[in-house]
Amino acid sequence: MNILQRIALIVVIIGALNWGLIGLFDFNLVGFIFDPLSVVISRIIYSLVGVAGIICISALFTSDHEID
């Protein structure tokens, strides 16, 4: 797993925890932290989580081990 995939995995985990908070407690942590600043910043964060998810999907189809 390269460094980009590791960063993407961390971002996806943070996004998943936010969705868990929304589902369990109806509390949006990203909105709580960044809503006073700007709705645009929240949308950028959500977009980054989406891009990180796409990167993590590509990690499913790559192998770290080479077969000789």
C-alpha atoms as a PDB file:
ATOM      1  CA  MET A   1       0.000   0.000   0.000  1.00  0.00           C
ATOM      2  CA  ASN A   2       1.560   3.282  -1.043  1.00  0.00           C
ATOM      3  CA  ILE A   3       1.376   6.558   0.860  1.00  0.00           C
ATOM      4  CA  LEU A   4      -1.529   7.945  -1.210  1.00  0.00           C
ATOM      5  CA  GLN A   5      -3.609   4.851  -0.483  1.00  0.00           C
ATOM      6  CA  ARG A   6      -2.827   5.094   3.231  1.00  0.00           C
ATOM      7  CA  ILE A   7      -3.881   8.744   3.349  1.00  0.00           C
ATOM      8  CA  ALA A   8      -7.043   7.893   1.401  1.00  0.00           C
ATOM      9  CA  LEU A   9      -7.816   5.079   3.843  1.00  0.00           C
ATOM     10  CA  ILE A  10      -7.471   7.444   6.805  1.00  0.00           C
ATOM     11  CA  VAL A  11      -9.789   9.978   5.149  1.00  0.00           C
ATOM     12  CA  VAL A  12     -12.341   7.255   4.373  1.00  0.00           C
ATOM     13  CA  ILE A  13     -12.247   6.045   7.976  1.00  0.00           C
ATOM     14  CA  ILE A  14     -12.842   9.587   9.227  1.00  0.00           C
ATOM     15  CA  GLY A  15     -15.740   9.909   6.779  1.00  0.00           C
ATOM     16  CA  ALA A  16     -17.170   6.586   7.940  1.00  0.00           C
ATOM     17  CA  LEU A  17     -16.985   7.701  11.565  1.00  0.00           C
ATOM     18  CA  ASN A  18     -18.837  10.888  10.632  1.00  0.00           C
ATOM     19  CA  TRP A  19     -21.558   8.843   8.921  1.00  0.00           C
ATOM     20  CA  GLY A  20     -21.742   6.610  11.992  1.00  0.00           C
ATOM     21  CA  LEU A  21     -22.298   9.651  14.176  1.00  0.00           C
ATOM     22  CA  ILE A  22     -25.008  10.865  11.813  1.00  0.00           C
ATOM     23  CA  GLY A  23     -26.740   7.477  11.825  1.00  0.00           C
ATOM     24  CA  LEU A  24     -26.521   6.816  15.549  1.00  0.00           C
ATOM     25  CA  PHE A  25     -26.837  10.254  17.099  1.00  0.00           C
ATOM     26  CA  ASP A  26     -28.016  12.542  14.277  1.00  0.00           C
ATOM     27  CA  PHE A  27     -24.808  14.558  14.798  1.00  0.00           C
ATOM     28  CA  ASN A  28     -22.791  15.776  11.813  1.00  0.00           C
ATOM     29  CA  LEU A  29     -19.252  16.378  13.076  1.00  0.00           C
ATOM     30  CA  VAL A  30     -18.022  17.946   9.829  1.00  0.00           C
ATOM     31  CA  GLY A  31     -20.971  20.306   9.761  1.00  0.00           C
ATOM     32  CA  PHE A  32     -20.457  21.115  13.420  1.00  0.00           C
ATOM     33  CA  ILE A  33     -16.773  21.957  12.959  1.00  0.00           C
ATOM     34  CA  PHE A  34     -16.857  23.724   9.594  1.00  0.00           C
ATOM     35  CA  ASP A  35     -20.411  25.091   9.221  1.00  0.00           C
ATOM     36  CA  PRO A  36     -19.683  28.322  11.080  1.00  0.00           C
ATOM     37  CA  LEU A  37     -16.854  29.007   8.613  1.00  0.00           C
ATOM     38  CA  SER A  38     -18.470  28.120   5.338  1.00  0.00           C
ATOM     39  CA  VAL A  39     -20.709  25.624   3.641  1.00  0.00           C
ATOM     40  CA  VAL A  40     -18.176  25.533   0.800  1.00  0.00           C
ATOM     41  CA  ILE A  41     -15.489  24.143   3.119  1.00  0.00           C
ATOM     42  CA  SER A  42     -17.850  21.354   4.201  1.00  0.00           C
ATOM     43  CA  ARG A  43     -18.551  20.498   0.567  1.00  0.00           C
ATOM     44  CA  ILE A  44     -14.821  20.376  -0.176  1.00  0.00           C
ATOM     45  CA  ILE A  45     -14.305  17.981   2.731  1.00  0.00           C
ATOM     46  CA  TYR A  46     -17.148  15.745   1.547  1.00  0.00           C
ATOM     47  CA  SER A  47     -15.647  15.774  -1.956  1.00  0.00           C
ATOM     48  CA  LEU A  48     -12.241  14.778  -0.582  1.00  0.00           C
ATOM     49  CA  VAL A  49     -13.849  11.863   1.254  1.00  0.00           C
ATOM     50  CA  GLY A  50     -15.475  10.795  -2.016  1.00  0.00           C
ATOM     51  CA  VAL A  51     -12.188  10.962  -3.918  1.00  0.00           C
ATOM     52  CA  ALA A  52     -10.500   9.023  -1.120  1.00  0.00           C
ATOM     53  CA  GLY A  53     -13.191   6.364  -1.457  1.00  0.00           C
ATOM     54  CA  ILE A  54     -12.456   6.035  -5.172  1.00  0.00           C
ATOM     55  CA  ILE A  55      -8.750   5.657  -4.409  1.00  0.00           C
ATOM     56  CA  CYS A  56      -9.566   2.958  -1.861  1.00  0.00           C
ATOM     57  CA  ILE A  57     -11.660   1.105  -4.451  1.00  0.00           C
ATOM     58  CA  SER A  58      -8.626   0.977  -6.720  1.00  0.00           C
ATOM     59  CA  ALA A  59      -6.623  -0.483  -3.830  1.00  0.00           C
ATOM     60  CA  LEU A  60      -8.963  -3.495  -3.836  1.00  0.00           C
ATOM     61  CA  PHE A  61      -7.752  -4.472  -7.300  1.00  0.00           C
ATOM     62  CA  THR A  62      -4.030  -3.987  -6.778  1.00  0.00           C
ATOM     63  CA  SER A  63      -1.714  -6.474  -5.164  1.00  0.00           C
ATOM     64  CA  ASP A  64       1.262  -5.700  -2.960  1.00  0.00           C
ATOM     65  CA  HIS A  65       2.789  -9.084  -3.688  1.00  0.00           C
ATOM     66  CA  GLU A  66       4.323  -9.953  -7.019  1.00  0.00           C
ATOM     67  CA  ILE A  67       4.061 -13.527  -8.207  1.00  0.00           C
ATOM     68  CA  ASP A  68       7.296 -14.848  -9.754  1.00  0.00           C
END
